[in-house]
Structures are given as C-alpha cells and as structure tokens.
Amino acid sequence: MMDFQWRDYDSASLSSLSDEQLREGIAYYDRRVKEAHAAKVQAIARLKALTTPAALGARSWVEVVSSRLNINHDQARRLLREVALAEP
C-alpha cells in the first residue's frame, strides 16, 4: 500500500492523482462503504432488541427503517432480511 492518505485528500483535485492512487482511493472508499453498511446492520439489530416499532411511532420495522433511512419499503425489507441473518 502506498504512503498516500486518501481520507485526507481534497476530492476537488482528483485529476492530479496517479492511476495507482485512484485505485487505492476506490479500494479505500469501498472498504468504508462496507464498514458503514455492517455498522448499519448491527445498529438496526440492536435497536430491534431494545424497542418496538410502536414505541418509535411506526406500525412495522419496515416502516421504521424506510422512514429513518429514507429508502423504499423493498429496500427496507432487504435490509431487515440481512439484519435477521446477522442476529444470533
């Protein structure tokens, strides 16, 4: 891995990056997206363990997830299936 610190780079200057730096930046971004998604799944699982949709003013977990994450119901269902697979 290069000594390049992607997280500190000004994204307005992408044209000055080498091919290797761009590849590293894309890989860095991809890792962070995956980490954020995993954290989101864990947070939803924890929330489900602590409360109910009714306590959050909703009728279902699909409604909670779709409204809080601003996603449609199909996306919320997919995410909740993933949460169910991650739960012990």
PDB file of N, CA and C in Angstrom:
ATOM      1  N   MET A   1       0.846  -1.187   0.000  1.00  0.00           N
ATOM      2  CA  MET A   1       0.000   0.000   0.000  1.00  0.00           C
ATOM      3  C   MET A   1       0.887   1.244   0.000  1.00  0.00           C
ATOM      4  N   MET A   2       0.431   2.216  -0.696  1.00  0.00           N
ATOM      5  CA  MET A   2       1.206   3.449  -0.811  1.00  0.00           C
ATOM      6  C   MET A   2       1.132   4.265   0.475  1.00  0.00           C
ATOM      7  N   ASP A   3       1.984   5.255   0.549  1.00  0.00           N
ATOM      8  CA  ASP A   3       2.001   6.158   1.696  1.00  0.00           C
ATOM      9  C   ASP A   3       0.993   7.294   1.502  1.00  0.00           C
ATOM     10  N   PHE A   4       0.051   7.091   0.647  1.00  0.00           N
ATOM     11  CA  PHE A   4      -0.939   8.102   0.295  1.00  0.00           C
ATOM     12  C   PHE A   4      -2.102   8.040   1.277  1.00  0.00           C
ATOM     13  N   GLN A   5      -2.505   9.180   1.810  1.00  0.00           N
ATOM     14  CA  GLN A   5      -3.609   9.229   2.770  1.00  0.00           C
ATOM     15  C   GLN A   5      -4.873   9.696   2.062  1.00  0.00           C
ATOM     16  N   TRP A   6      -5.625   8.763   1.525  1.00  0.00           N
ATOM     17  CA  TRP A   6      -6.818   9.103   0.762  1.00  0.00           C
ATOM     18  C   TRP A   6      -7.804   9.916   1.584  1.00  0.00           C
ATOM     19  N   ARG A   7      -7.989   9.545   2.832  1.00  0.00           N
ATOM     20  CA  ARG A   7      -9.002  10.213   3.660  1.00  0.00           C
ATOM     21  C   ARG A   7      -8.697  11.693   3.852  1.00  0.00           C
ATOM     22  N   ASP A   8      -7.433  12.095   3.669  1.00  0.00           N
ATOM     23  CA  ASP A   8      -7.042  13.486   3.852  1.00  0.00           C
ATOM     24  C   ASP A   8      -6.989  14.258   2.534  1.00  0.00           C
ATOM     25  N   TYR A   9      -7.293  13.602   1.431  1.00  0.00           N
ATOM     26  CA  TYR A   9      -7.121  14.217   0.126  1.00  0.00           C
ATOM     27  C   TYR A   9      -8.321  15.079  -0.236  1.00  0.00           C
ATOM     28  N   ASP A  10      -8.056  16.195  -0.859  1.00  0.00           N
ATOM     29  CA  ASP A  10      -9.105  17.095  -1.334  1.00  0.00           C
ATOM     30  C   ASP A  10      -9.688  16.511  -2.622  1.00  0.00           C
ATOM     31  N   SER A  11     -10.937  16.102  -2.581  1.00  0.00           N
ATOM     32  CA  SER A  11     -11.538  15.429  -3.731  1.00  0.00           C
ATOM     33  C   SER A  11     -11.663  16.332  -4.958  1.00  0.00           C
ATOM     34  N   ALA A  12     -11.491  17.615  -4.799  1.00  0.00           N
ATOM     35  CA  ALA A  12     -11.566  18.531  -5.939  1.00  0.00           C
ATOM     36  C   ALA A  12     -10.359  18.387  -6.857  1.00  0.00           C
ATOM     37  N   SER A  13      -9.308  17.745  -6.407  1.00  0.00           N
ATOM     38  CA  SER A  13      -8.072  17.640  -7.186  1.00  0.00           C
ATOM     39  C   SER A  13      -7.826  16.224  -7.699  1.00  0.00           C
ATOM     40  N   LEU A  14      -8.856  15.489  -8.021  1.00  0.00           N
ATOM     41  CA  LEU A  14      -8.694  14.109  -8.475  1.00  0.00           C
ATOM     42  C   LEU A  14      -7.847  13.996  -9.736  1.00  0.00           C
ATOM     43  N   SER A  15      -7.840  15.008 -10.569  1.00  0.00           N
ATOM     44  CA  SER A  15      -7.091  14.925 -11.825  1.00  0.00           C
ATOM     45  C   SER A  15      -5.586  14.844 -11.599  1.00  0.00           C
ATOM     46  N   SER A  16      -5.123  15.221 -10.422  1.00  0.00           N
ATOM     47  CA  SER A  16      -3.686  15.168 -10.154  1.00  0.00           C
ATOM     48  C   SER A  16      -3.239  13.816  -9.595  1.00  0.00           C
ATOM     49  N   LEU A  17      -4.163  12.904  -9.361  1.00  0.00           N
ATOM     50  CA  LEU A  17      -3.801  11.603  -8.796  1.00  0.00           C
ATOM     51  C   LEU A  17      -3.297  10.656  -9.873  1.00  0.00           C
ATOM     52  N   SER A  18      -2.380   9.795  -9.484  1.00  0.00           N
ATOM     53  CA  SER A  18      -1.898   8.760 -10.396  1.00  0.00           C
ATOM     54  C   SER A  18      -2.937   7.643 -10.471  1.00  0.00           C
ATOM     55  N   ASP A  19      -2.768   6.751 -11.445  1.00  0.00           N
ATOM     56  CA  ASP A  19      -3.674   5.604 -11.560  1.00  0.00           C
ATOM     57  C   ASP A  19      -3.652   4.770 -10.284  1.00  0.00           C
ATOM     58  N   GLU A  20      -2.453   4.563  -9.750  1.00  0.00           N
ATOM     59  CA  GLU A  20      -2.324   3.765  -8.528  1.00  0.00           C
ATOM     60  C   GLU A  20      -3.042   4.439  -7.357  1.00  0.00           C
ATOM     61  N   GLN A  21      -2.911   5.737  -7.246  1.00  0.00           N
ATOM     62  CA  GLN A  21      -3.593   6.462  -6.168  1.00  0.00           C
ATOM     63  C   GLN A  21      -5.109   6.394  -6.331  1.00  0.00           C
ATOM     64  N   LEU A  22      -5.580   6.477  -7.559  1.00  0.00           N
ATOM     65  CA  LEU A  22      -7.018   6.362  -7.802  1.00  0.00           C
ATOM     66  C   LEU A  22      -7.528   4.975  -7.432  1.00  0.00           C
ATOM     67  N   ARG A  23      -6.778   3.941  -7.811  1.00  0.00           N
ATOM     68  CA  ARG A  23      -7.182   2.575  -7.449  1.00  0.00           C
ATOM     69  C   ARG A  23      -7.206   2.408  -5.941  1.00  0.00           C
ATOM     70  N   GLU A  24      -6.194   2.946  -5.268  1.00  0.00           N
ATOM     71  CA  GLU A  24      -6.154   2.874  -3.810  1.00  0.00           C
ATOM     72  C   GLU A  24      -7.327   3.638  -3.201  1.00  0.00           C
ATOM     73  N   GLY A  25      -7.632   4.781  -3.755  1.00  0.00           N
ATOM     74  CA  GLY A  25      -8.752   5.577  -3.256  1.00  0.00           C
ATOM     75  C   GLY A  25     -10.076   4.858  -3.413  1.00  0.00           C
ATOM     76  N   ILE A  26     -10.266   4.207  -4.547  1.00  0.00           N
ATOM     77  CA  ILE A  26     -11.501   3.454  -4.771  1.00  0.00           C
ATOM     78  C   ILE A  26     -11.591   2.293  -3.785  1.00  0.00           C
ATOM     79  N   ALA A  27     -10.482   1.599  -3.563  1.00  0.00           N
ATOM     80  CA  ALA A  27     -10.474   0.493  -2.601  1.00  0.00           C
ATOM     81  C   ALA A  27     -10.750   1.000  -1.188  1.00  0.00           C
ATOM     82  N   TYR A  28     -10.151   2.136  -0.844  1.00  0.00           N
ATOM     83  CA  TYR A  28     -10.382   2.742   0.473  1.00  0.00           C
ATOM     84  C   TYR A  28     -11.857   3.071   0.641  1.00  0.00           C
ATOM     85  N   TYR A  29     -12.451   3.710  -0.354  1.00  0.00           N
ATOM     86  CA  TYR A  29     -13.865   4.076  -0.312  1.00  0.00           C
ATOM     87  C   TYR A  29     -14.737   2.825  -0.180  1.00  0.00           C
ATOM     88  N   ASP A  30     -14.432   1.794  -0.955  1.00  0.00           N
ATOM     89  CA  ASP A  30     -15.211   0.560  -0.918  1.00  0.00           C
ATOM     90  C   ASP A  30     -15.171  -0.076   0.471  1.00  0.00           C
ATOM     91  N   ARG A  31     -13.991  -0.086   1.087  1.00  0.00           N
ATOM     92  CA  ARG A  31     -13.886  -0.640   2.454  1.00  0.00           C
ATOM     93  C   ARG A  31     -14.756   0.149   3.420  1.00  0.00           C
ATOM     94  N   ARG A  32     -14.738   1.472   3.319  1.00  0.00           N
ATOM     95  CA  ARG A  32     -15.519   2.306   4.236  1.00  0.00           C
ATOM     96  C   ARG A  32     -17.018   2.119   4.022  1.00  0.00           C
ATOM     97  N   VAL A  33     -17.435   1.956   2.773  1.00  0.00           N
ATOM     98  CA  VAL A  33     -18.853   1.713   2.482  1.00  0.00           C
ATOM     99  C   VAL A  33     -19.290   0.394   3.113  1.00  0.00           C
ATOM    100  N   LYS A  34     -18.465  -0.639   2.975  1.00  0.00           N
ATOM    101  CA  LYS A  34     -18.797  -1.944   3.566  1.00  0.00           C
ATOM    102  C   LYS A  34     -18.826  -1.871   5.087  1.00  0.00           C
ATOM    103  N   GLU A  35     -17.883  -1.155   5.674  1.00  0.00           N
ATOM    104  CA  GLU A  35     -17.869  -0.994   7.132  1.00  0.00           C
ATOM    105  C   GLU A  35     -19.104  -0.235   7.607  1.00  0.00           C
ATOM    106  N   ALA A  36     -19.491   0.795   6.877  1.00  0.00           N
ATOM    107  CA  ALA A  36     -20.676   1.575   7.248  1.00  0.00           C
ATOM    108  C   ALA A  36     -21.934   0.722   7.141  1.00  0.00           C
ATOM    109  N   HIS A  37     -22.009  -0.101   6.114  1.00  0.00           N
ATOM    110  CA  HIS A  37     -23.175  -0.970   5.953  1.00  0.00           C
ATOM    111  C   HIS A  37     -23.246  -1.979   7.097  1.00  0.00           C
ATOM    112  N   ALA A  38     -22.119  -2.576   7.442  1.00  0.00           N
ATOM    113  CA  ALA A  38     -22.097  -3.533   8.553  1.00  0.00           C
ATOM    114  C   ALA A  38     -22.512  -2.860   9.855  1.00  0.00           C
ATOM    115  N   ALA A  39     -22.059  -1.644  10.075  1.00  0.00           N
ATOM    116  CA  ALA A  39     -22.441  -0.905  11.283  1.00  0.00           C
ATOM    117  C   ALA A  39     -23.935  -0.607  11.277  1.00  0.00           C
ATOM    118  N   LYS A  40     -24.487  -0.292  10.108  1.00  0.00           N
ATOM    119  CA  LYS A  40     -25.921  -0.022   9.997  1.00  0.00           C
ATOM    120  C   LYS A  40     -26.719  -1.274  10.346  1.00  0.00           C
ATOM    121  N   VAL A  41     -26.298  -2.420   9.838  1.00  0.00           N
ATOM    122  CA  VAL A  41     -26.976  -3.684  10.138  1.00  0.00           C
ATOM    123  C   VAL A  41     -26.927  -3.963  11.636  1.00  0.00           C
ATOM    124  N   GLN A  42     -25.766  -3.774  12.248  1.00  0.00           N
ATOM    125  CA  GLN A  42     -25.630  -4.001  13.691  1.00  0.00           C
ATOM    126  C   GLN A  42     -26.493  -3.033  14.490  1.00  0.00           C
ATOM    127  N   ALA A  43     -26.549  -1.784  14.073  1.00  0.00           N
ATOM    128  CA  ALA A  43     -27.349  -0.786  14.792  1.00  0.00           C
ATOM    129  C   ALA A  43     -28.836  -1.122  14.719  1.00  0.00           C
ATOM    130  N   ILE A  44     -29.293  -1.560  13.562  1.00  0.00           N
ATOM    131  CA  ILE A  44     -30.707  -1.929  13.429  1.00  0.00           C
ATOM    132  C   ILE A  44     -31.009  -3.154  14.280  1.00  0.00           C
ATOM    133  N   ALA A  45     -30.113  -4.128  14.278  1.00  0.00           N
ATOM    134  CA  ALA A  45     -30.313  -5.319  15.110  1.00  0.00           C
ATOM    135  C   ALA A  45     -30.402  -4.933  16.580  1.00  0.00           C
ATOM    136  N   ARG A  46     -29.536  -4.055  17.006  1.00  0.00           N
ATOM    137  CA  ARG A  46     -29.548  -3.599  18.408  1.00  0.00           C
ATOM    138  C   ARG A  46     -30.836  -2.843  18.716  1.00  0.00           C
ATOM    139  N   LEU A  47     -31.251  -1.977  17.806  1.00  0.00           N
ATOM    140  CA  LEU A  47     -32.488  -1.230  18.001  1.00  0.00           C
ATOM    141  C   LEU A  47     -33.677  -2.181  18.122  1.00  0.00           C
ATOM    142  N   LYS A  48     -33.704  -3.212  17.269  1.00  0.00           N
ATOM    143  CA  LYS A  48     -34.794  -4.189  17.331  1.00  0.00           C
ATOM    144  C   LYS A  48     -34.810  -4.929  18.661  1.00  0.00           C
ATOM    145  N   ALA A  49     -33.630  -5.142  19.246  1.00  0.00           N
ATOM    146  CA  ALA A  49     -33.553  -5.832  20.535  1.00  0.00           C
ATOM    147  C   ALA A  49     -34.011  -4.938  21.682  1.00  0.00           C
ATOM    148  N   LEU A  50     -33.937  -3.640  21.499  1.00  0.00           N
ATOM    149  CA  LEU A  50     -34.228  -2.699  22.585  1.00  0.00           C
ATOM    150  C   LEU A  50     -35.645  -2.145  22.594  1.00  0.00           C
ATOM    151  N   THR A  51     -36.309  -2.135  21.443  1.00  0.00           N
ATOM    152  CA  THR A  51     -37.600  -1.445  21.384  1.00  0.00           C
ATOM    153  C   THR A  51     -38.514  -2.086  20.352  1.00  0.00           C
ATOM    154  N   THR A  52     -39.636  -1.472  20.140  1.00  0.00           N
ATOM    155  CA  THR A  52     -40.617  -1.953  19.165  1.00  0.00           C
ATOM    156  C   THR A  52     -40.916  -0.840  18.164  1.00  0.00           C
ATOM    157  N   PRO A  53     -41.462  -1.215  17.010  1.00  0.00           N
ATOM    158  CA  PRO A  53     -41.857  -0.172  16.061  1.00  0.00           C
ATOM    159  C   PRO A  53     -42.878   0.793  16.666  1.00  0.00           C
ATOM    160  N   ALA A  54     -43.809   0.261  17.451  1.00  0.00           N
ATOM    161  CA  ALA A  54     -44.837   1.122  18.058  1.00  0.00           C
ATOM    162  C   ALA A  54     -44.217   2.179  18.959  1.00  0.00           C
ATOM    163  N   ALA A  55     -43.188   1.802  19.701  1.00  0.00           N
ATOM    164  CA  ALA A  55     -42.520   2.766  20.581  1.00  0.00           C
ATOM    165  C   ALA A  55     -41.840   3.870  19.785  1.00  0.00           C
ATOM    166  N   LEU A  56     -41.558   3.590  18.526  1.00  0.00           N
ATOM    167  CA  LEU A  56     -40.923   4.577  17.652  1.00  0.00           C
ATOM    168  C   LEU A  56     -41.942   5.286  16.764  1.00  0.00           C
ATOM    169  N   GLY A  57     -43.219   5.026  17.017  1.00  0.00           N
ATOM    170  CA  GLY A  57     -44.271   5.703  16.270  1.00  0.00           C
ATOM    171  C   GLY A  57     -44.585   5.096  14.920  1.00  0.00           C
ATOM    172  N   ALA A  58     -44.254   3.821  14.745  1.00  0.00           N
ATOM    173  CA  ALA A  58     -44.494   3.161  13.462  1.00  0.00           C
ATOM    174  C   ALA A  58     -45.294   1.877  13.675  1.00  0.00           C
ATOM    175  N   ARG A  59     -45.773   1.322  12.579  1.00  0.00           N
ATOM    176  CA  ARG A  59     -46.536   0.076  12.655  1.00  0.00           C
ATOM    177  C   ARG A  59     -45.677  -1.154  12.418  1.00  0.00           C
ATOM    178  N   SER A  60     -44.525  -0.985  11.784  1.00  0.00           N
ATOM    179  CA  SER A  60     -43.674  -2.132  11.461  1.00  0.00           C
ATOM    180  C   SER A  60     -42.219  -1.696  11.386  1.00  0.00           C
ATOM    181  N   TRP A  61     -41.332  -2.698  11.417  1.00  0.00           N
ATOM    182  CA  TRP A  61     -39.909  -2.390  11.267  1.00  0.00           C
ATOM    183  C   TRP A  61     -39.613  -1.873   9.865  1.00  0.00           C
ATOM    184  N   VAL A  62     -40.353  -2.363   8.886  1.00  0.00           N
ATOM    185  CA  VAL A  62     -40.176  -1.856   7.518  1.00  0.00           C
ATOM    186  C   VAL A  62     -40.445  -0.358   7.489  1.00  0.00           C
ATOM    187  N   GLU A  63     -41.504   0.050   8.161  1.00  0.00           N
ATOM    188  CA  GLU A  63     -41.841   1.475   8.211  1.00  0.00           C
ATOM    189  C   GLU A  63     -40.758   2.276   8.936  1.00  0.00           C
ATOM    190  N   VAL A  64     -40.263   1.744  10.047  1.00  0.00           N
ATOM    191  CA  VAL A  64     -39.205   2.430  10.807  1.00  0.00           C
ATOM    192  C   VAL A  64     -37.965   2.609   9.939  1.00  0.00           C
ATOM    193  N   VAL A  65     -37.499   1.508   9.364  1.00  0.00           N
ATOM    194  CA  VAL A  65     -36.253   1.540   8.590  1.00  0.00           C
ATOM    195  C   VAL A  65     -36.404   2.411   7.346  1.00  0.00           C
ATOM    196  N   SER A  66     -37.512   2.260   6.642  1.00  0.00           N
ATOM    197  CA  SER A  66     -37.666   3.047   5.411  1.00  0.00           C
ATOM    198  C   SER A  66     -37.746   4.540   5.702  1.00  0.00           C
ATOM    199  N   SER A  67     -38.438   4.908   6.774  1.00  0.00           N
ATOM    200  CA  SER A  67     -38.550   6.341   7.070  1.00  0.00           C
ATOM    201  C   SER A  67     -37.259   6.912   7.644  1.00  0.00           C
ATOM    202  N   ARG A  68     -36.597   6.170   8.518  1.00  0.00           N
ATOM    203  CA  ARG A  68     -35.364   6.682   9.136  1.00  0.00           C
ATOM    204  C   ARG A  68     -34.202   6.752   8.154  1.00  0.00           C
ATOM    205  N   LEU A  69     -34.155   5.803   7.220  1.00  0.00           N
ATOM    206  CA  LEU A  69     -33.045   5.769   6.262  1.00  0.00           C
ATOM    207  C   LEU A  69     -33.418   6.371   4.907  1.00  0.00           C
ATOM    208  N   ASN A  70     -34.662   6.822   4.804  1.00  0.00           N
ATOM    209  CA  ASN A  70     -35.136   7.419   3.560  1.00  0.00           C
ATOM    210  C   ASN A  70     -34.940   6.481   2.370  1.00  0.00           C
ATOM    211  N   ILE A  71     -35.390   5.231   2.556  1.00  0.00           N
ATOM    212  CA  ILE A  71     -35.336   4.229   1.494  1.00  0.00           C
ATOM    213  C   ILE A  71     -36.747   3.694   1.284  1.00  0.00           C
ATOM    214  N   ASN A  72     -36.971   3.021   0.160  1.00  0.00           N
ATOM    215  CA  ASN A  72     -38.311   2.490  -0.086  1.00  0.00           C
ATOM    216  C   ASN A  72     -38.525   1.198   0.701  1.00  0.00           C
ATOM    217  N   HIS A  73     -39.768   0.731   0.725  1.00  0.00           N
ATOM    218  CA  HIS A  73     -40.110  -0.438   1.541  1.00  0.00           C
ATOM    219  C   HIS A  73     -39.393  -1.706   1.077  1.00  0.00           C
ATOM    220  N   ASP A  74     -39.201  -1.866  -0.226  1.00  0.00           N
ATOM    221  CA  ASP A  74     -38.476  -3.042  -0.716  1.00  0.00           C
ATOM    222  C   ASP A  74     -37.032  -3.041  -0.218  1.00  0.00           C
ATOM    223  N   GLN A  75     -36.386  -1.887  -0.261  1.00  0.00           N
ATOM    224  CA  GLN A  75     -35.012  -1.789   0.247  1.00  0.00           C
ATOM    225  C   GLN A  75     -34.982  -2.049   1.746  1.00  0.00           C
ATOM    226  N   ALA A  76     -35.978  -1.553   2.464  1.00  0.00           N
ATOM    227  CA  ALA A  76     -36.047  -1.779   3.909  1.00  0.00           C
ATOM    228  C   ALA A  76     -36.229  -3.263   4.208  1.00  0.00           C
ATOM    229  N   ARG A  77     -37.074  -3.938   3.436  1.00  0.00           N
ATOM    230  CA  ARG A  77     -37.268  -5.382   3.637  1.00  0.00           C
ATOM    231  C   ARG A  77     -35.970  -6.147   3.405  1.00  0.00           C
ATOM    232  N   ARG A  78     -35.248  -5.792   2.347  1.00  0.00           N
ATOM    233  CA  ARG A  78     -33.963  -6.459   2.077  1.00  0.00           C
ATOM    234  C   ARG A  78     -32.989  -6.242   3.227  1.00  0.00           C
ATOM    235  N   LEU A  79     -32.924  -5.016   3.716  1.00  0.00           N
ATOM    236  CA  LEU A  79     -32.029  -4.706   4.826  1.00  0.00           C
ATOM    237  C   LEU A  79     -32.442  -5.471   6.080  1.00  0.00           C
ATOM    238  N   LEU A  80     -33.727  -5.558   6.344  1.00  0.00           N
ATOM    239  CA  LEU A  80     -34.203  -6.292   7.519  1.00  0.00           C
ATOM    240  C   LEU A  80     -33.950  -7.793   7.394  1.00  0.00           C
ATOM    241  N   ARG A  81     -34.000  -8.341   6.183  1.00  0.00           N
ATOM    242  CA  ARG A  81     -33.625  -9.752   5.996  1.00  0.00           C
ATOM    243  C   ARG A  81     -32.150  -9.943   6.333  1.00  0.00           C
ATOM    244  N   GLU A  82     -31.337  -8.998   5.927  1.00  0.00           N
ATOM    245  CA  GLU A  82     -29.908  -9.056   6.250  1.00  0.00           C
ATOM    246  C   GLU A  82     -29.696  -8.959   7.759  1.00  0.00           C
ATOM    247  N   VAL A  83     -30.448  -8.097   8.414  1.00  0.00           N
ATOM    248  CA  VAL A  83     -30.370  -7.966   9.875  1.00  0.00           C
ATOM    249  C   VAL A  83     -30.754  -9.286  10.527  1.00  0.00           C
ATOM    250  N   ALA A  84     -31.811  -9.919  10.037  1.00  0.00           N
ATOM    251  CA  ALA A  84     -32.265 -11.192  10.609  1.00  0.00           C
ATOM    252  C   ALA A  84     -31.193 -12.269  10.481  1.00  0.00           C
ATOM    253  N   LEU A  85     -30.469 -12.269   9.376  1.00  0.00           N
ATOM    254  CA  LEU A  85     -29.391 -13.247   9.197  1.00  0.00           C
ATOM    255  C   LEU A  85     -28.223 -12.982  10.138  1.00  0.00           C
ATOM    256  N   ALA A  86     -28.032 -11.725  10.503  1.00  0.00           N
ATOM    257  CA  ALA A  86     -26.907 -11.348  11.373  1.00  0.00           C
ATOM    258  C   ALA A  86     -27.224 -11.547  12.847  1.00  0.00           C
ATOM    259  N   GLU A  87     -28.509 -11.638  13.178  1.00  0.00           N
ATOM    260  CA  GLU A  87     -28.896 -11.794  14.581  1.00  0.00           C
ATOM    261  C   GLU A  87     -28.563 -13.199  15.063  1.00  0.00           C
ATOM    262  N   PRO A  88     -28.191 -13.317  16.346  1.00  0.00           N
ATOM    263  CA  PRO A  88     -27.845 -14.647  16.882  1.00  0.00           C
ATOM    264  C   PRO A  88     -29.043 -15.575  16.991  1.00  0.00           C
TER     265      PRO A  88
END
